[in-house]
PDB file of N, CA and C in Angstrom:
ATOM      1  N   UNK A   1     137.595 -14.893-237.892  1.00  0.00           N
ATOM      2  CA  UNK A   1     136.034 -15.018-237.853  1.00  0.00           C
ATOM      3  C   UNK A   1     135.440 -14.737-236.458  1.00  0.00           C
ATOM      4  N   UNK A   2     134.360 -14.214-236.501  1.00  0.00           N
ATOM      5  CA  UNK A   2     133.817 -13.861-234.746  1.00  0.00           C
ATOM      6  C   UNK A   2     133.176 -15.035-234.514  1.00  0.00           C
ATOM      7  N   UNK A   3     133.341 -15.427-233.609  1.00  0.00           N
ATOM      8  CA  UNK A   3     132.405 -16.774-232.796  1.00  0.00           C
ATOM      9  C   UNK A   3     131.059 -16.293-232.142  1.00  0.00           C
ATOM     10  N   UNK A   4     130.150 -16.858-232.737  1.00  0.00           N
ATOM     11  CA  UNK A   4     128.813 -16.683-232.457  1.00  0.00           C
ATOM     12  C   UNK A   4     128.788 -16.883-231.117  1.00  0.00           C
ATOM     13  N   UNK A   5     127.584 -16.174-230.535  1.00  0.00           N
ATOM     14  CA  UNK A   5     127.342 -16.380-228.949  1.00  0.00           C
ATOM     15  C   UNK A   5     126.194 -17.712-229.143  1.00  0.00           C
ATOM     16  N   UNK A   6     126.306 -17.982-227.820  1.00  0.00           N
ATOM     17  CA  UNK A   6     125.578 -19.228-227.474  1.00  0.00           C
ATOM     18  C   UNK A   6     124.045 -18.861-227.147  1.00  0.00           C
ATOM     19  N   UNK A   7     123.093 -19.497-227.744  1.00  0.00           N
ATOM     20  CA  UNK A   7     121.629 -19.154-227.378  1.00  0.00           C
ATOM     21  C   UNK A   7     121.204 -20.305-226.385  1.00  0.00           C
ATOM     22  N   UNK A   8     121.554 -21.516-226.571  1.00  0.00           N
ATOM     23  CA  UNK A   8     121.033 -22.736-225.898  1.00  0.00           C
ATOM     24  C   UNK A   8     121.817 -23.856-225.615  1.00  0.00           C
ATOM     25  N   UNK A   9     121.858 -24.544-224.452  1.00  0.00           N
ATOM     26  CA  UNK A   9     122.343 -25.745-224.219  1.00  0.00           C
ATOM     27  C   UNK A   9     121.665 -26.769-223.768  1.00  0.00           C
ATOM     28  N   UNK A  10     121.846 -27.979-224.024  1.00  0.00           N
ATOM     29  CA  UNK A  10     120.971 -29.148-223.527  1.00  0.00           C
ATOM     30  C   UNK A  10     121.729 -30.365-223.228  1.00  0.00           C
ATOM     31  N   UNK A  11     121.789 -30.823-221.899  1.00  0.00           N
ATOM     32  CA  UNK A  11     122.710 -32.064-221.791  1.00  0.00           C
ATOM     33  C   UNK A  11     122.191 -32.966-222.288  1.00  0.00           C
ATOM     34  N   UNK A  12     123.215 -34.056-222.778  1.00  0.00           N
ATOM     35  CA  UNK A  12     122.595 -35.453-223.638  1.00  0.00           C
ATOM     36  C   UNK A  12     123.336 -36.642-222.831  1.00  0.00           C
ATOM     37  N   UNK A  13     123.141 -37.623-223.172  1.00  0.00           N
ATOM     38  CA  UNK A  13     123.604 -38.917-222.675  1.00  0.00           C
ATOM     39  C   UNK A  13     125.229 -38.920-222.908  1.00  0.00           C
ATOM     40  N   UNK A  14     125.904 -39.597-221.812  1.00  0.00           N
ATOM     41  CA  UNK A  14     127.327 -40.039-222.062  1.00  0.00           C
ATOM     42  C   UNK A  14     128.202 -38.619-221.976  1.00  0.00           C
ATOM     43  N   UNK A  15     127.663 -37.865-221.022  1.00  0.00           N
ATOM     44  CA  UNK A  15     128.585 -36.586-220.907  1.00  0.00           C
ATOM     45  C   UNK A  15     128.606 -35.587-222.198  1.00  0.00           C
ATOM     46  N   UNK A  16     127.604 -35.572-222.983  1.00  0.00           N
ATOM     47  CA  UNK A  16     127.733 -34.875-224.378  1.00  0.00           C
ATOM     48  C   UNK A  16     126.644 -33.630-223.954  1.00  0.00           C
ATOM     49  N   UNK A  17     127.083 -32.497-224.687  1.00  0.00           N
ATOM     50  CA  UNK A  17     126.064 -31.518-224.647  1.00  0.00           C
ATOM     51  C   UNK A  17     125.684 -31.182-226.079  1.00  0.00           C
ATOM     52  N   UNK A  18     124.596 -30.780-226.544  1.00  0.00           N
ATOM     53  CA  UNK A  18     123.949 -29.975-227.702  1.00  0.00           C
ATOM     54  C   UNK A  18     124.112 -28.548-227.540  1.00  0.00           C
ATOM     55  N   UNK A  19     124.719 -27.910-228.056  1.00  0.00           N
ATOM     56  CA  UNK A  19     124.849 -26.200-228.061  1.00  0.00           C
ATOM     57  C   UNK A  19     124.516 -25.749-229.239  1.00  0.00           C
ATOM     58  N   UNK A  20     123.453 -24.772-229.094  1.00  0.00           N
ATOM     59  CA  UNK A  20     123.015 -23.866-230.334  1.00  0.00           C
ATOM     60  C   UNK A  20     123.646 -22.314-230.257  1.00  0.00           C
ATOM     61  N   UNK A  21     124.152 -22.129-231.319  1.00  0.00           N
ATOM     62  CA  UNK A  21     124.520 -20.446-231.391  1.00  0.00           C
ATOM     63  C   UNK A  21     123.499 -19.887-232.121  1.00  0.00           C
ATOM     64  N   UNK A  22     123.869 -18.532-231.907  1.00  0.00           N
ATOM     65  CA  UNK A  22     122.956 -17.479-232.634  1.00  0.00           C
ATOM     66  C   UNK A  22     122.761 -17.331-234.136  1.00  0.00           C
ATOM     67  N   UNK A  23     123.569 -18.039-234.538  1.00  0.00           N
ATOM     68  CA  UNK A  23     123.487 -18.247-236.186  1.00  0.00           C
ATOM     69  C   UNK A  23     122.862 -19.383-236.527  1.00  0.00           C
ATOM     70  N   UNK A  24     122.118 -19.821-235.410  1.00  0.00           N
ATOM     71  CA  UNK A  24     121.260 -21.269-235.669  1.00  0.00           C
ATOM     72  C   UNK A  24     122.263 -22.556-235.860  1.00  0.00           C
ATOM     73  N   UNK A  25     123.404 -22.255-236.035  1.00  0.00           N
ATOM     74  CA  UNK A  25     124.345 -23.652-235.874  1.00  0.00           C
ATOM     75  C   UNK A  25     124.500 -24.504-234.683  1.00  0.00           C
ATOM     76  N   UNK A  26     124.595 -25.716-234.759  1.00  0.00           N
ATOM     77  CA  UNK A  26     124.624 -26.526-233.661  1.00  0.00           C
ATOM     78  C   UNK A  26     125.718 -27.285-233.435  1.00  0.00           C
ATOM     79  N   UNK A  27     126.526 -27.613-232.173  1.00  0.00           N
ATOM     80  CA  UNK A  27     127.519 -28.321-232.102  1.00  0.00           C
ATOM     81  C   UNK A  27     127.200 -29.205-230.934  1.00  0.00           C
ATOM     82  N   UNK A  28     127.697 -30.428-231.161  1.00  0.00           N
ATOM     83  CA  UNK A  28     127.910 -31.424-229.897  1.00  0.00           C
ATOM     84  C   UNK A  28     129.210 -31.271-229.375  1.00  0.00           C
ATOM     85  N   UNK A  29     129.397 -31.401-228.314  1.00  0.00           N
ATOM     86  CA  UNK A  29     130.578 -31.097-227.249  1.00  0.00           C
ATOM     87  C   UNK A  29     130.510 -32.386-226.447  1.00  0.00           C
ATOM     88  N   UNK A  30     131.664 -33.110-226.622  1.00  0.00           N
ATOM     89  CA  UNK A  30     131.921 -34.266-225.449  1.00  0.00           C
ATOM     90  C   UNK A  30     133.056 -33.684-224.164  1.00  0.00           C
ATOM     91  N   UNK A  31     132.121 -33.696-223.154  1.00  0.00           N
ATOM     92  CA  UNK A  31     132.758 -33.110-221.825  1.00  0.00           C
ATOM     93  C   UNK A  31     133.725 -33.985-221.216  1.00  0.00           C
ATOM     94  N   UNK A  32     133.725 -35.299-221.687  1.00  0.00           N
ATOM     95  CA  UNK A  32     134.674 -36.367-221.233  1.00  0.00           C
ATOM     96  C   UNK A  32     135.882 -35.953-221.619  1.00  0.00           C
ATOM     97  N   UNK A  33     136.204 -35.309-222.722  1.00  0.00           N
ATOM     98  CA  UNK A  33     137.755 -34.805-223.159  1.00  0.00           C
ATOM     99  C   UNK A  33     138.287 -33.926-222.025  1.00  0.00           C
ATOM    100  N   UNK A  34     137.615 -33.334-221.262  1.00  0.00           N
ATOM    101  CA  UNK A  34     138.169 -32.594-220.423  1.00  0.00           C
ATOM    102  C   UNK A  34     138.338 -33.187-218.983  1.00  0.00           C
ATOM    103  N   UNK A  35     138.024 -34.234-218.824  1.00  0.00           N
ATOM    104  CA  UNK A  35     138.088 -35.129-217.397  1.00  0.00           C
ATOM    105  C   UNK A  35     139.414 -35.160-216.956  1.00  0.00           C
ATOM    106  N   UNK A  36     140.462 -35.680-218.166  1.00  0.00           N
ATOM    107  CA  UNK A  36     141.772 -35.793-217.857  1.00  0.00           C
ATOM    108  C   UNK A  36     142.541 -34.660-217.852  1.00  0.00           C
ATOM    109  N   UNK A  37     142.317 -33.691-218.295  1.00  0.00           N
ATOM    110  CA  UNK A  37     143.014 -32.398-218.411  1.00  0.00           C
ATOM    111  C   UNK A  37     142.867 -31.369-217.298  1.00  0.00           C
ATOM    112  N   UNK A  38     141.611 -31.616-216.547  1.00  0.00           N
ATOM    113  CA  UNK A  38     141.477 -30.426-215.738  1.00  0.00           C
ATOM    114  C   UNK A  38     140.321 -31.140-214.630  1.00  0.00           C
ATOM    115  N   UNK A  39     141.005 -31.268-213.363  1.00  0.00           N
ATOM    116  CA  UNK A  39     140.368 -31.900-212.414  1.00  0.00           C
ATOM    117  C   UNK A  39     139.042 -31.077-211.984  1.00  0.00           C
ATOM    118  N   UNK A  40     138.790 -30.000-212.377  1.00  0.00           N
ATOM    119  CA  UNK A  40     137.471 -29.340-211.885  1.00  0.00           C
ATOM    120  C   UNK A  40     136.308 -29.997-212.442  1.00  0.00           C
ATOM    121  N   UNK A  41     136.540 -30.540-213.837  1.00  0.00           N
ATOM    122  CA  UNK A  41     135.569 -31.267-214.452  1.00  0.00           C
ATOM    123  C   UNK A  41     135.068 -32.423-214.069  1.00  0.00           C
ATOM    124  N   UNK A  42     135.821 -33.099-212.964  1.00  0.00           N
ATOM    125  CA  UNK A  42     135.616 -34.429-212.378  1.00  0.00           C
ATOM    126  C   UNK A  42     134.128 -34.302-211.666  1.00  0.00           C
ATOM    127  N   UNK A  43     133.853 -33.309-211.254  1.00  0.00           N
ATOM    128  CA  UNK A  43     132.620 -33.165-210.446  1.00  0.00           C
ATOM    129  C   UNK A  43     131.409 -33.274-211.513  1.00  0.00           C
ATOM    130  N   UNK A  44     131.475 -33.428-212.883  1.00  0.00           N
ATOM    131  CA  UNK A  44     130.264 -33.187-213.676  1.00  0.00           C
ATOM    132  C   UNK A  44     130.347 -34.712-213.988  1.00  0.00           C
ATOM    133  N   UNK A  45     130.752 -35.515-213.553  1.00  0.00           N
ATOM    134  CA  UNK A  45     130.518 -37.207-213.478  1.00  0.00           C
ATOM    135  C   UNK A  45     129.223 -37.633-212.626  1.00  0.00           C
ATOM    136  N   UNK A  46     128.826 -36.679-211.800  1.00  0.00           N
ATOM    137  CA  UNK A  46     127.684 -36.825-211.126  1.00  0.00           C
ATOM    138  C   UNK A  46     126.695 -35.944-212.142  1.00  0.00           C
ATOM    139  N   UNK A  47     125.483 -37.085-212.507  1.00  0.00           N
ATOM    140  CA  UNK A  47     124.598 -36.558-213.467  1.00  0.00           C
ATOM    141  C   UNK A  47     123.839 -35.327-212.900  1.00  0.00           C
ATOM    142  N   UNK A  48     123.418 -35.375-211.795  1.00  0.00           N
ATOM    143  CA  UNK A  48     122.614 -34.070-211.352  1.00  0.00           C
ATOM    144  C   UNK A  48     123.260 -32.893-211.446  1.00  0.00           C
ATOM    145  N   UNK A  49     124.603 -32.887-211.289  1.00  0.00           N
ATOM    146  CA  UNK A  49     125.443 -31.543-211.668  1.00  0.00           C
ATOM    147  C   UNK A  49     125.463 -31.535-213.108  1.00  0.00           C
ATOM    148  N   UNK A  50     125.849 -32.357-213.965  1.00  0.00           N
ATOM    149  CA  UNK A  50     126.101 -32.480-215.179  1.00  0.00           C
ATOM    150  C   UNK A  50     124.782 -31.936-215.897  1.00  0.00           C
ATOM    151  N   UNK A  51     123.683 -32.131-215.456  1.00  0.00           N
ATOM    152  CA  UNK A  51     122.327 -31.592-215.969  1.00  0.00           C
ATOM    153  C   UNK A  51     121.680 -30.134-215.739  1.00  0.00           C
ATOM    154  N   UNK A  52     122.972 -29.604-214.781  1.00  0.00           N
ATOM    155  CA  UNK A  52     122.477 -28.242-214.347  1.00  0.00           C
ATOM    156  C   UNK A  52     123.148 -27.215-215.408  1.00  0.00           C
ATOM    157  N   UNK A  53     123.701 -27.616-216.353  1.00  0.00           N
ATOM    158  CA  UNK A  53     124.181 -26.979-217.563  1.00  0.00           C
ATOM    159  C   UNK A  53     123.172 -25.726-217.950  1.00  0.00           C
ATOM    160  N   UNK A  54     123.779 -24.503-218.173  1.00  0.00           N
ATOM    161  CA  UNK A  54     122.947 -23.431-218.687  1.00  0.00           C
ATOM    162  C   UNK A  54     123.802 -22.249-219.291  1.00  0.00           C
ATOM    163  N   UNK A  55     123.114 -21.544-220.036  1.00  0.00           N
ATOM    164  CA  UNK A  55     123.816 -20.523-220.925  1.00  0.00           C
ATOM    165  C   UNK A  55     124.265 -19.359-219.986  1.00  0.00           C
ATOM    166  N   UNK A  56     125.561 -19.049-219.913  1.00  0.00           N
ATOM    167  CA  UNK A  56     125.779 -17.704-219.186  1.00  0.00           C
ATOM    168  C   UNK A  56     125.411 -16.469-219.686  1.00  0.00           C
ATOM    169  N   UNK A  57     125.344 -15.261-218.981  1.00  0.00           N
ATOM    170  CA  UNK A  57     124.554 -14.253-219.309  1.00  0.00           C
ATOM    171  C   UNK A  57     125.333 -13.639-220.594  1.00  0.00           C
ATOM    172  N   UNK A  58     124.516 -13.555-221.675  1.00  0.00           N
ATOM    173  CA  UNK A  58     125.220 -12.646-222.686  1.00  0.00           C
ATOM    174  C   UNK A  58     125.662 -13.607-223.720  1.00  0.00           C
ATOM    175  N   UNK A  59     125.536 -15.104-223.527  1.00  0.00           N
ATOM    176  CA  UNK A  59     125.654 -16.156-224.457  1.00  0.00           C
ATOM    177  C   UNK A  59     127.385 -16.281-224.743  1.00  0.00           C
ATOM    178  N   UNK A  60     128.208 -15.784-223.739  1.00  0.00           N
ATOM    179  CA  UNK A  60     129.690 -15.941-223.952  1.00  0.00           C
ATOM    180  C   UNK A  60     130.189 -17.345-223.425  1.00  0.00           C
ATOM    181  N   UNK A  61     129.339 -17.913-222.768  1.00  0.00           N
ATOM    182  CA  UNK A  61     129.899 -19.477-222.306  1.00  0.00           C
ATOM    183  C   UNK A  61     128.819 -20.309-221.961  1.00  0.00           C
ATOM    184  N   UNK A  62     128.859 -21.208-221.152  1.00  0.00           N
ATOM    185  CA  UNK A  62     128.045 -22.032-220.691  1.00  0.00           C
ATOM    186  C   UNK A  62     128.809 -22.354-219.088  1.00  0.00           C
ATOM    187  N   UNK A  63     127.889 -22.925-217.980  1.00  0.00           N
ATOM    188  CA  UNK A  63     128.262 -23.099-216.923  1.00  0.00           C
ATOM    189  C   UNK A  63     127.554 -23.845-216.059  1.00  0.00           C
ATOM    190  N   UNK A  64     127.916 -24.711-215.311  1.00  0.00           N
ATOM    191  CA  UNK A  64     127.469 -25.726-214.394  1.00  0.00           C
ATOM    192  C   UNK A  64     127.323 -25.195-212.923  1.00  0.00           C
ATOM    193  N   UNK A  65     128.732 -24.474-212.447  1.00  0.00           N
ATOM    194  CA  UNK A  65     128.640 -23.788-211.135  1.00  0.00           C
ATOM    195  C   UNK A  65     129.236 -22.564-211.444  1.00  0.00           C
ATOM    196  N   UNK A  66     129.650 -22.125-210.189  1.00  0.00           N
ATOM    197  CA  UNK A  66     130.380 -20.906-210.120  1.00  0.00           C
ATOM    198  C   UNK A  66     132.050 -21.009-210.622  1.00  0.00           C
ATOM    199  N   UNK A  67     132.054 -22.310-210.522  1.00  0.00           N
ATOM    200  CA  UNK A  67     133.683 -22.773-210.617  1.00  0.00           C
ATOM    201  C   UNK A  67     133.758 -23.481-211.777  1.00  0.00           C
ATOM    202  N   UNK A  68     132.667 -24.084-212.418  1.00  0.00           N
ATOM    203  CA  UNK A  68     132.656 -25.029-213.703  1.00  0.00           C
ATOM    204  C   UNK A  68     132.088 -24.217-214.840  1.00  0.00           C
ATOM    205  N   UNK A  69     132.921 -23.932-215.872  1.00  0.00           N
ATOM    206  CA  UNK A  69     132.157 -23.237-216.998  1.00  0.00           C
ATOM    207  C   UNK A  69     133.328 -23.484-218.371  1.00  0.00           C
ATOM    208  N   UNK A  70     132.698 -23.180-219.558  1.00  0.00           N
ATOM    209  CA  UNK A  70     133.213 -23.337-220.643  1.00  0.00           C
ATOM    210  C   UNK A  70     133.027 -22.022-221.476  1.00  0.00           C
ATOM    211  N   UNK A  71     133.850 -21.745-222.279  1.00  0.00           N
ATOM    212  CA  UNK A  71     133.673 -20.422-223.276  1.00  0.00           C
ATOM    213  C   UNK A  71     133.298 -20.965-224.544  1.00  0.00           C
ATOM    214  N   UNK A  72     132.544 -20.042-225.133  1.00  0.00           N
ATOM    215  CA  UNK A  72     132.023 -20.353-226.642  1.00  0.00           C
ATOM    216  C   UNK A  72     133.007 -20.683-227.493  1.00  0.00           C
ATOM    217  N   UNK A  73     134.168 -20.167-227.245  1.00  0.00           N
ATOM    218  CA  UNK A  73     135.352 -20.387-228.314  1.00  0.00           C
ATOM    219  C   UNK A  73     135.739 -21.659-228.128  1.00  0.00           C
ATOM    220  N   UNK A  74     135.823 -22.446-227.047  1.00  0.00           N
ATOM    221  CA  UNK A  74     136.058 -24.014-226.769  1.00  0.00           C
ATOM    222  C   UNK A  74     134.977 -24.663-227.429  1.00  0.00           C
ATOM    223  N   UNK A  75     133.929 -24.349-227.198  1.00  0.00           N
ATOM    224  CA  UNK A  75     132.903 -25.184-227.784  1.00  0.00           C
ATOM    225  C   UNK A  75     132.760 -25.282-229.259  1.00  0.00           C
ATOM    226  N   UNK A  76     132.831 -23.679-229.992  1.00  0.00           N
ATOM    227  CA  UNK A  76     132.886 -23.450-231.463  1.00  0.00           C
ATOM    228  C   UNK A  76     134.002 -24.276-232.137  1.00  0.00           C
ATOM    229  N   UNK A  77     135.042 -24.204-231.478  1.00  0.00           N
ATOM    230  CA  UNK A  77     136.331 -24.903-232.269  1.00  0.00           C
ATOM    231  C   UNK A  77     136.638 -26.252-232.012  1.00  0.00           C
ATOM    232  N   UNK A  78     136.155 -27.013-230.899  1.00  0.00           N
ATOM    233  CA  UNK A  78     136.190 -28.194-230.627  1.00  0.00           C
ATOM    234  C   UNK A  78     135.056 -29.204-230.565  1.00  0.00           C
ATOM    235  N   UNK A  79     133.882 -28.439-230.864  1.00  0.00           N
ATOM    236  CA  UNK A  79     132.622 -29.209-231.006  1.00  0.00           C
ATOM    237  C   UNK A  79     132.501 -29.857-232.337  1.00  0.00           C
ATOM    238  N   UNK A  80     131.899 -31.121-232.474  1.00  0.00           N
ATOM    239  CA  UNK A  80     131.482 -31.329-233.722  1.00  0.00           C
ATOM    240  C   UNK A  80     130.215 -31.096-234.203  1.00  0.00           C
ATOM    241  N   UNK A  81     130.175 -30.834-235.494  1.00  0.00           N
ATOM    242  CA  UNK A  81     128.751 -30.503-236.004  1.00  0.00           C
ATOM    243  C   UNK A  81     127.701 -31.319-235.677  1.00  0.00           C
ATOM    244  N   UNK A  82     126.501 -30.941-235.334  1.00  0.00           N
ATOM    245  CA  UNK A  82     125.419 -31.672-235.017  1.00  0.00           C
ATOM    246  C   UNK A  82     124.560 -32.343-236.439  1.00  0.00           C
TER     247      UNK A  82
END
């Protein structure tokens, strides 16, 4: 199955994201699950940085900084239906 592209992302409380795909499906993604696995995500505990989330060009993922990003595949397969 082809993974749809991301069209929108909104930061939510408690380190969650609401991600909208180009098929109008929405997924809620809990970023906290990444904190223990990857040290780079520790920076997102800072709410100001967490709220910088944006869709990367082309909708292939989301990013906060040049070093912190997530692919559409990760969100599509591990996010929860909204």
